[in-house]
C-alpha cells in the first residue's frame, strides 16, 4: 500500500479514541474533546476518515452496525475520529442508535483516507485496468448524486472491478452502469485501516491485498455485466 501516513501505534490510538468517544457519548451523553496528550501528528494531519462498527459473532463472522465518515477531511484527524465514531454509533440512518448494552459486542474499525484522485479516461473500459481491488476505494459523482465505497468492501465480498463500479453506482442511487456515462466522474482513494480483532481487544492494521488474495483467489464474483 502506497498510502501509509500513520504508524501502527498511531492507528491503535485512533481506534481506542473512537471507542472512548462512543462510550462517553452513548453511556454518559458527553462528547469528548480531542485529548491534549494525543500524538502531535494526529492534530496536524487532516485526512478523511470513516469509523465502522460491527457486531462481533466470532473471528470470521461480523455484522455491520454503523459506518459514517468524512471523505475529504477538513478537521484534524484526532477530532474527525471522535466525530465519525459518534456519528457511526448514533446517526447512521440504516440502524437504531447503539445502546450501552451493545458496546461489549461491537468491534471498531477506523479507516484513514488518502485525498480523492479523479480518474480521467478516454473510454469507461479504461477504469477496469486503473482500479485495483484491495487498494482503491471509489467515489462516483454525477449532478446531485454521489456514492462512496471503502476499499475493504469489495475485498469482503470478493467483487471484481466491474461489480465494484456497479455497486458504487447503486450506492449513489443511480443506474448500475452509471460509470459508463461520460457525465459521471469517478474518483479513487486509498485507506489505512486499523481494526479491533475482538471487542476492545487487540488492534491490527489490515492488509487488504493479502486478504483479497487469501479470501477471493479463484472466486471473485461479478453480479452484473457491463
C-alpha atoms as a PDB file:
ATOM      1  CA  UNK A   1       0.000   0.000   0.000  1.00  0.00           C
ATOM      2  CA  UNK A   2       1.480   3.344  -1.007  1.00  0.00           C
ATOM      3  CA  UNK A   3      -0.660   5.456   1.336  1.00  0.00           C
ATOM      4  CA  UNK A   4       0.619   4.838   4.889  1.00  0.00           C
ATOM      5  CA  UNK A   5       0.926   8.121   6.802  1.00  0.00           C
ATOM      6  CA  UNK A   6       0.339   6.615  10.262  1.00  0.00           C
ATOM      7  CA  UNK A   7       2.330   4.252  12.428  1.00  0.00           C
ATOM      8  CA  UNK A   8       0.628   1.233  13.938  1.00  0.00           C
ATOM      9  CA  UNK A   9       0.755   2.893  17.362  1.00  0.00           C
ATOM     10  CA  UNK A  10      -0.993   5.986  15.975  1.00  0.00           C
ATOM     11  CA  UNK A  11      -3.634   3.797  14.362  1.00  0.00           C
ATOM     12  CA  UNK A  12      -4.176   1.932  17.611  1.00  0.00           C
ATOM     13  CA  UNK A  13      -4.557   5.262  19.379  1.00  0.00           C
ATOM     14  CA  UNK A  14      -7.297   6.329  16.949  1.00  0.00           C
ATOM     15  CA  UNK A  15      -9.270   3.105  17.393  1.00  0.00           C
ATOM     16  CA  UNK A  16      -9.080   3.381  21.178  1.00  0.00           C
ATOM     17  CA  UNK A  17     -10.092   7.029  20.910  1.00  0.00           C
ATOM     18  CA  UNK A  18     -13.091   6.044  18.784  1.00  0.00           C
ATOM     19  CA  UNK A  19     -14.194   3.522  21.406  1.00  0.00           C
ATOM     20  CA  UNK A  20     -13.768   6.052  24.208  1.00  0.00           C
ATOM     21  CA  UNK A  21     -15.759   8.667  22.262  1.00  0.00           C
ATOM     22  CA  UNK A  22     -18.601   6.220  21.640  1.00  0.00           C
ATOM     23  CA  UNK A  23     -18.656   5.040  25.248  1.00  0.00           C
ATOM     24  CA  UNK A  24     -18.753   8.541  26.702  1.00  0.00           C
ATOM     25  CA  UNK A  25     -21.480   9.656  24.313  1.00  0.00           C
ATOM     26  CA  UNK A  26     -23.689   6.555  24.493  1.00  0.00           C
ATOM     27  CA  UNK A  27     -23.300   5.916  28.232  1.00  0.00           C
ATOM     28  CA  UNK A  28     -22.803   9.409  29.668  1.00  0.00           C
ATOM     29  CA  UNK A  29     -24.228  11.668  26.961  1.00  0.00           C
ATOM     30  CA  UNK A  30     -20.947  13.564  26.698  1.00  0.00           C
ATOM     31  CA  UNK A  31     -18.908  14.401  23.619  1.00  0.00           C
ATOM     32  CA  UNK A  32     -15.244  14.262  24.499  1.00  0.00           C
ATOM     33  CA  UNK A  33     -12.694  16.816  23.327  1.00  0.00           C
ATOM     34  CA  UNK A  34      -9.521  15.793  21.486  1.00  0.00           C
ATOM     35  CA  UNK A  35      -7.130  14.669  24.244  1.00  0.00           C
ATOM     36  CA  UNK A  36      -4.246  17.047  24.809  1.00  0.00           C
ATOM     37  CA  UNK A  37      -1.866  14.102  25.131  1.00  0.00           C
ATOM     38  CA  UNK A  38      -2.718  12.676  21.689  1.00  0.00           C
ATOM     39  CA  UNK A  39       0.261  12.249  19.344  1.00  0.00           C
ATOM     40  CA  UNK A  40       1.048  15.639  17.794  1.00  0.00           C
ATOM     41  CA  UNK A  41       0.723  14.330  14.241  1.00  0.00           C
ATOM     42  CA  UNK A  42      -2.912  13.431  14.826  1.00  0.00           C
ATOM     43  CA  UNK A  43      -3.595  17.141  15.295  1.00  0.00           C
ATOM     44  CA  UNK A  44      -1.523  18.092  12.261  1.00  0.00           C
ATOM     45  CA  UNK A  45      -2.955  15.617   9.734  1.00  0.00           C
ATOM     46  CA  UNK A  46      -6.415  16.216   8.291  1.00  0.00           C
ATOM     47  CA  UNK A  47      -7.106  13.234   6.046  1.00  0.00           C
ATOM     48  CA  UNK A  48     -10.615  11.926   5.513  1.00  0.00           C
ATOM     49  CA  UNK A  49     -11.733   9.267   7.962  1.00  0.00           C
ATOM     50  CA  UNK A  50     -14.504   6.690   8.403  1.00  0.00           C
ATOM     51  CA  UNK A  51     -15.459   4.748  11.515  1.00  0.00           C
ATOM     52  CA  UNK A  52     -17.117   1.364  11.032  1.00  0.00           C
ATOM     53  CA  UNK A  53     -18.900  -0.570  13.779  1.00  0.00           C
ATOM     54  CA  UNK A  54     -19.638  -4.287  13.518  1.00  0.00           C
ATOM     55  CA  UNK A  55     -21.380  -6.713  15.838  1.00  0.00           C
ATOM     56  CA  UNK A  56     -18.891  -9.452  16.678  1.00  0.00           C
ATOM     57  CA  UNK A  57     -20.217 -13.007  16.371  1.00  0.00           C
ATOM     58  CA  UNK A  58     -16.824 -14.705  16.060  1.00  0.00           C
ATOM     59  CA  UNK A  59     -13.454 -14.367  14.294  1.00  0.00           C
ATOM     60  CA  UNK A  60     -14.957 -14.827  10.838  1.00  0.00           C
ATOM     61  CA  UNK A  61     -18.469 -13.539  11.400  1.00  0.00           C
ATOM     62  CA  UNK A  62     -19.383  -9.900  11.954  1.00  0.00           C
ATOM     63  CA  UNK A  63     -22.439  -7.823  11.122  1.00  0.00           C
ATOM     64  CA  UNK A  64     -22.423  -4.168  10.132  1.00  0.00           C
ATOM     65  CA  UNK A  65     -23.762  -1.878  12.876  1.00  0.00           C
ATOM     66  CA  UNK A  66     -22.879   1.569  11.541  1.00  0.00           C
ATOM     67  CA  UNK A  67     -20.460   3.388   9.259  1.00  0.00           C
ATOM     68  CA  UNK A  68     -20.103   7.152   8.824  1.00  0.00           C
ATOM     69  CA  UNK A  69     -17.203   9.410   7.989  1.00  0.00           C
ATOM     70  CA  UNK A  70     -15.770  12.408   6.217  1.00  0.00           C
ATOM     71  CA  UNK A  71     -14.279  11.593   2.796  1.00  0.00           C
ATOM     72  CA  UNK A  72     -12.206  14.735   2.374  1.00  0.00           C
ATOM     73  CA  UNK A  73     -11.030  15.646   5.849  1.00  0.00           C
ATOM     74  CA  UNK A  74     -11.192  19.297   6.854  1.00  0.00           C
ATOM     75  CA  UNK A  75     -10.539  18.661  10.556  1.00  0.00           C
ATOM     76  CA  UNK A  76      -7.561  17.336  12.494  1.00  0.00           C
ATOM     77  CA  UNK A  77      -7.610  13.526  12.463  1.00  0.00           C
ATOM     78  CA  UNK A  78      -7.982  13.356  16.220  1.00  0.00           C
ATOM     79  CA  UNK A  79     -11.214  15.377  16.015  1.00  0.00           C
ATOM     80  CA  UNK A  80     -12.522  13.673  12.867  1.00  0.00           C
ATOM     81  CA  UNK A  81     -12.287  10.280  14.540  1.00  0.00           C
ATOM     82  CA  UNK A  82     -14.295  11.468  17.534  1.00  0.00           C
ATOM     83  CA  UNK A  83     -16.987  12.956  15.299  1.00  0.00           C
ATOM     84  CA  UNK A  84     -17.195  10.000  12.904  1.00  0.00           C
ATOM     85  CA  UNK A  85     -17.239   7.448  15.741  1.00  0.00           C
ATOM     86  CA  UNK A  86     -20.151   9.124  17.489  1.00  0.00           C
ATOM     87  CA  UNK A  87     -21.994   9.536  14.192  1.00  0.00           C
ATOM     88  CA  UNK A  88     -21.456   5.873  13.270  1.00  0.00           C
ATOM     89  CA  UNK A  89     -22.935   4.851  16.629  1.00  0.00           C
ATOM     90  CA  UNK A  90     -25.883   7.235  16.655  1.00  0.00           C
ATOM     91  CA  UNK A  91     -26.632   8.744  13.225  1.00  0.00           C
ATOM     92  CA  UNK A  92     -26.390   6.015  10.595  1.00  0.00           C
ATOM     93  CA  UNK A  93     -29.931   6.075   9.117  1.00  0.00           C
ATOM     94  CA  UNK A  94     -29.836   2.331   8.461  1.00  0.00           C
ATOM     95  CA  UNK A  95     -29.694   1.469  12.170  1.00  0.00           C
ATOM     96  CA  UNK A  96     -31.061   2.413  15.555  1.00  0.00           C
ATOM     97  CA  UNK A  97     -28.555   4.212  17.815  1.00  0.00           C
ATOM     98  CA  UNK A  98     -26.152   1.914  19.623  1.00  0.00           C
ATOM     99  CA  UNK A  99     -27.226   1.079  23.177  1.00  0.00           C
ATOM    100  CA  UNK A 100     -24.805   0.861  26.122  1.00  0.00           C
ATOM    101  CA  UNK A 101     -25.515  -2.864  26.428  1.00  0.00           C
ATOM    102  CA  UNK A 102     -24.135  -3.423  22.908  1.00  0.00           C
ATOM    103  CA  UNK A 103     -20.701  -1.906  23.427  1.00  0.00           C
ATOM    104  CA  UNK A 104     -19.073  -5.125  24.631  1.00  0.00           C
ATOM    105  CA  UNK A 105     -20.207  -6.916  21.453  1.00  0.00           C
ATOM    106  CA  UNK A 106     -19.012  -4.372  18.886  1.00  0.00           C
ATOM    107  CA  UNK A 107     -15.661  -4.221  17.084  1.00  0.00           C
ATOM    108  CA  UNK A 108     -14.427  -0.849  15.855  1.00  0.00           C
ATOM    109  CA  UNK A 109     -12.556  -0.073  12.660  1.00  0.00           C
ATOM    110  CA  UNK A 110     -11.042   3.279  11.662  1.00  0.00           C
ATOM    111  CA  UNK A 111     -10.154   3.987   8.033  1.00  0.00           C
ATOM    112  CA  UNK A 112      -7.873   6.939   7.267  1.00  0.00           C
ATOM    113  CA  UNK A 113      -8.369   8.043   3.655  1.00  0.00           C
ATOM    114  CA  UNK A 114      -5.965   9.489   1.126  1.00  0.00           C
ATOM    115  CA  UNK A 115      -7.091  12.548  -0.887  1.00  0.00           C
ATOM    116  CA  UNK A 116      -9.526  11.731  -3.696  1.00  0.00           C
ATOM    117  CA  UNK A 117      -7.989  11.383  -7.164  1.00  0.00           C
ATOM    118  CA  UNK A 118     -10.177  11.839 -10.241  1.00  0.00           C
ATOM    119  CA  UNK A 119      -9.749   9.103 -12.839  1.00  0.00           C
ATOM    120  CA  UNK A 120      -9.578  10.656 -16.292  1.00  0.00           C
ATOM    121  CA  UNK A 121     -10.155   8.189 -19.122  1.00  0.00           C
ATOM    122  CA  UNK A 122     -10.918   8.316 -22.825  1.00  0.00           C
ATOM    123  CA  UNK A 123     -13.184   5.280 -22.502  1.00  0.00           C
ATOM    124  CA  UNK A 124     -15.002   3.814 -19.471  1.00  0.00           C
ATOM    125  CA  UNK A 125     -13.333   0.454 -20.126  1.00  0.00           C
ATOM    126  CA  UNK A 126     -10.061   2.034 -19.011  1.00  0.00           C
ATOM    127  CA  UNK A 127     -11.428   2.059 -15.463  1.00  0.00           C
ATOM    128  CA  UNK A 128     -11.062  -1.715 -15.416  1.00  0.00           C
ATOM    129  CA  UNK A 129      -7.280  -1.506 -15.587  1.00  0.00           C
ATOM    130  CA  UNK A 130      -6.876   1.579 -13.392  1.00  0.00           C
ATOM    131  CA  UNK A 131      -8.909   0.391 -10.363  1.00  0.00           C
ATOM    132  CA  UNK A 132      -7.205  -2.205  -8.143  1.00  0.00           C
ATOM    133  CA  UNK A 133      -9.233  -4.333  -5.742  1.00  0.00           C
ATOM    134  CA  UNK A 134      -7.508  -4.402  -2.365  1.00  0.00           C
ATOM    135  CA  UNK A 135      -6.032  -0.952  -2.885  1.00  0.00           C
ATOM    136  CA  UNK A 136      -8.664   1.520  -4.060  1.00  0.00           C
ATOM    137  CA  UNK A 137     -11.934   2.819  -2.702  1.00  0.00           C
ATOM    138  CA  UNK A 138     -14.368   4.524  -5.072  1.00  0.00           C
ATOM    139  CA  UNK A 139     -16.437   7.691  -5.184  1.00  0.00           C
ATOM    140  CA  UNK A 140     -18.893   8.260  -8.007  1.00  0.00           C
ATOM    141  CA  UNK A 141     -20.498  11.632  -8.733  1.00  0.00           C
ATOM    142  CA  UNK A 142     -22.987  12.955 -11.256  1.00  0.00           C
ATOM    143  CA  UNK A 143     -25.013  16.077 -10.586  1.00  0.00           C
ATOM    144  CA  UNK A 144     -26.612  15.878  -7.165  1.00  0.00           C
ATOM    145  CA  UNK A 145     -25.903  12.145  -6.876  1.00  0.00           C
ATOM    146  CA  UNK A 146     -22.824  10.681  -5.235  1.00  0.00           C
ATOM    147  CA  UNK A 147     -21.787   7.467  -3.558  1.00  0.00           C
ATOM    148  CA  UNK A 148     -18.717   6.066  -1.793  1.00  0.00           C
ATOM    149  CA  UNK A 149     -17.494   2.568  -1.048  1.00  0.00           C
ATOM    150  CA  UNK A 150     -14.434   1.947   1.110  1.00  0.00           C
ATOM    151  CA  UNK A 151     -11.663  -0.287  -0.295  1.00  0.00           C
ATOM    152  CA  UNK A 152     -12.408  -3.079   2.175  1.00  0.00           C
ATOM    153  CA  UNK A 153     -15.920  -3.585   0.770  1.00  0.00           C
ATOM    154  CA  UNK A 154     -15.017  -5.372  -2.499  1.00  0.00           C
ATOM    155  CA  UNK A 155     -12.464  -7.464  -0.597  1.00  0.00           C
ATOM    156  CA  UNK A 156     -15.081  -8.661   1.885  1.00  0.00           C
ATOM    157  CA  UNK A 157     -17.490  -9.636  -0.925  1.00  0.00           C
ATOM    158  CA  UNK A 158     -14.865 -10.873  -3.419  1.00  0.00           C
ATOM    159  CA  UNK A 159     -16.066  -8.490  -6.109  1.00  0.00           C
ATOM    160  CA  UNK A 160     -14.286  -7.875  -9.381  1.00  0.00           C
ATOM    161  CA  UNK A 161     -13.796  -4.323 -10.694  1.00  0.00           C
ATOM    162  CA  UNK A 162     -16.976  -4.268 -12.792  1.00  0.00           C
ATOM    163  CA  UNK A 163     -19.073  -5.298  -9.799  1.00  0.00           C
ATOM    164  CA  UNK A 164     -17.321  -2.714  -7.629  1.00  0.00           C
ATOM    165  CA  UNK A 165     -18.200   0.029 -10.142  1.00  0.00           C
ATOM    166  CA  UNK A 166     -21.771  -1.201 -10.473  1.00  0.00           C
ATOM    167  CA  UNK A 167     -22.220  -1.324  -6.707  1.00  0.00           C
ATOM    168  CA  UNK A 168     -20.886   2.201  -6.099  1.00  0.00           C
ATOM    169  CA  UNK A 169     -23.324   3.475  -8.747  1.00  0.00           C
ATOM    170  CA  UNK A 170     -26.132   1.707  -6.911  1.00  0.00           C
ATOM    171  CA  UNK A 171     -24.912   3.235  -3.638  1.00  0.00           C
ATOM    172  CA  UNK A 172     -25.303   6.651  -5.314  1.00  0.00           C
ATOM    173  CA  UNK A 173     -28.915   5.768  -6.247  1.00  0.00           C
ATOM    174  CA  UNK A 174     -28.049   5.780  -9.925  1.00  0.00           C
ATOM    175  CA  UNK A 175     -28.325   3.057 -12.589  1.00  0.00           C
ATOM    176  CA  UNK A 176     -25.681   0.395 -12.009  1.00  0.00           C
ATOM    177  CA  UNK A 177     -23.980   1.281 -15.294  1.00  0.00           C
ATOM    178  CA  UNK A 178     -23.669   4.972 -14.392  1.00  0.00           C
ATOM    179  CA  UNK A 179     -19.879   4.648 -14.594  1.00  0.00           C
ATOM    180  CA  UNK A 180     -20.147   4.126 -18.353  1.00  0.00           C
ATOM    181  CA  UNK A 181     -21.785   7.564 -18.759  1.00  0.00           C
ATOM    182  CA  UNK A 182     -19.483  10.384 -19.879  1.00  0.00           C
ATOM    183  CA  UNK A 183     -21.158  12.756 -17.415  1.00  0.00           C
ATOM    184  CA  UNK A 184     -20.233  10.594 -14.425  1.00  0.00           C
ATOM    185  CA  UNK A 185     -16.998  11.302 -12.555  1.00  0.00           C
ATOM    186  CA  UNK A 186     -15.101   8.503 -10.832  1.00  0.00           C
ATOM    187  CA  UNK A 187     -12.595   9.117  -8.042  1.00  0.00           C
ATOM    188  CA  UNK A 188     -10.256   6.644  -6.380  1.00  0.00           C
ATOM    189  CA  UNK A 189      -8.624   6.782  -2.954  1.00  0.00           C
ATOM    190  CA  UNK A 190      -6.604   4.556  -0.677  1.00  0.00           C
ATOM    191  CA  UNK A 191      -7.078   3.883   3.030  1.00  0.00           C
ATOM    192  CA  UNK A 192      -5.025   2.833   6.009  1.00  0.00           C
ATOM    193  CA  UNK A 193      -7.322   0.636   8.081  1.00  0.00           C
ATOM    194  CA  UNK A 194      -6.993  -0.219  11.770  1.00  0.00           C
ATOM    195  CA  UNK A 195      -9.381  -2.676  13.416  1.00  0.00           C
ATOM    196  CA  UNK A 196     -10.062  -4.446  16.699  1.00  0.00           C
ATOM    197  CA  UNK A 197      -9.839  -8.220  16.331  1.00  0.00           C
ATOM    198  CA  UNK A 198     -12.348  -8.664  19.158  1.00  0.00           C
ATOM    199  CA  UNK A 199     -14.460  -6.134  21.089  1.00  0.00           C
ATOM    200  CA  UNK A 200     -11.995  -3.865  22.923  1.00  0.00           C
ATOM    201  CA  UNK A 201      -9.254  -6.341  22.001  1.00  0.00           C
ATOM    202  CA  UNK A 202      -6.031  -6.301  20.030  1.00  0.00           C
ATOM    203  CA  UNK A 203      -5.823  -3.825  17.142  1.00  0.00           C
ATOM    204  CA  UNK A 204      -4.187  -4.584  13.799  1.00  0.00           C
ATOM    205  CA  UNK A 205      -3.601  -2.803  10.526  1.00  0.00           C
ATOM    206  CA  UNK A 206      -5.421  -4.599   7.731  1.00  0.00           C
ATOM    207  CA  UNK A 207      -3.578  -5.721   4.582  1.00  0.00           C
ATOM    208  CA  UNK A 208      -6.377  -5.710   2.021  1.00  0.00           C
ATOM    209  CA  UNK A 209      -4.276  -7.022  -0.857  1.00  0.00           C
ATOM    210  CA  UNK A 210      -3.323 -10.074   1.200  1.00  0.00           C
ATOM    211  CA  UNK A 211      -6.904 -10.535   2.407  1.00  0.00           C
ATOM    212  CA  UNK A 212      -8.206 -10.426  -1.151  1.00  0.00           C
ATOM    213  CA  UNK A 213      -5.657 -12.974  -2.305  1.00  0.00           C
ATOM    214  CA  UNK A 214      -6.415 -15.346   0.561  1.00  0.00           C
ATOM    215  CA  UNK A 215     -10.177 -14.890   0.634  1.00  0.00           C
ATOM    216  CA  UNK A 216     -11.037 -14.498  -3.014  1.00  0.00           C
ATOM    217  CA  UNK A 217      -8.441 -16.284  -5.120  1.00  0.00           C
ATOM    218  CA  UNK A 218     -10.275 -18.019  -7.929  1.00  0.00           C
ATOM    219  CA  UNK A 219     -13.701 -16.884  -6.761  1.00  0.00           C
ATOM    220  CA  UNK A 220     -14.052 -13.110  -7.318  1.00  0.00           C
ATOM    221  CA  UNK A 221     -17.642 -12.503  -8.297  1.00  0.00           C
ATOM    222  CA  UNK A 222     -19.407 -10.322 -10.828  1.00  0.00           C
ATOM    223  CA  UNK A 223     -23.059  -9.763 -10.008  1.00  0.00           C
ATOM    224  CA  UNK A 224     -23.698  -7.564 -13.063  1.00  0.00           C
ATOM    225  CA  UNK A 225     -22.285  -7.203 -16.528  1.00  0.00           C
ATOM    226  CA  UNK A 226     -21.135  -4.060 -18.336  1.00  0.00           C
END
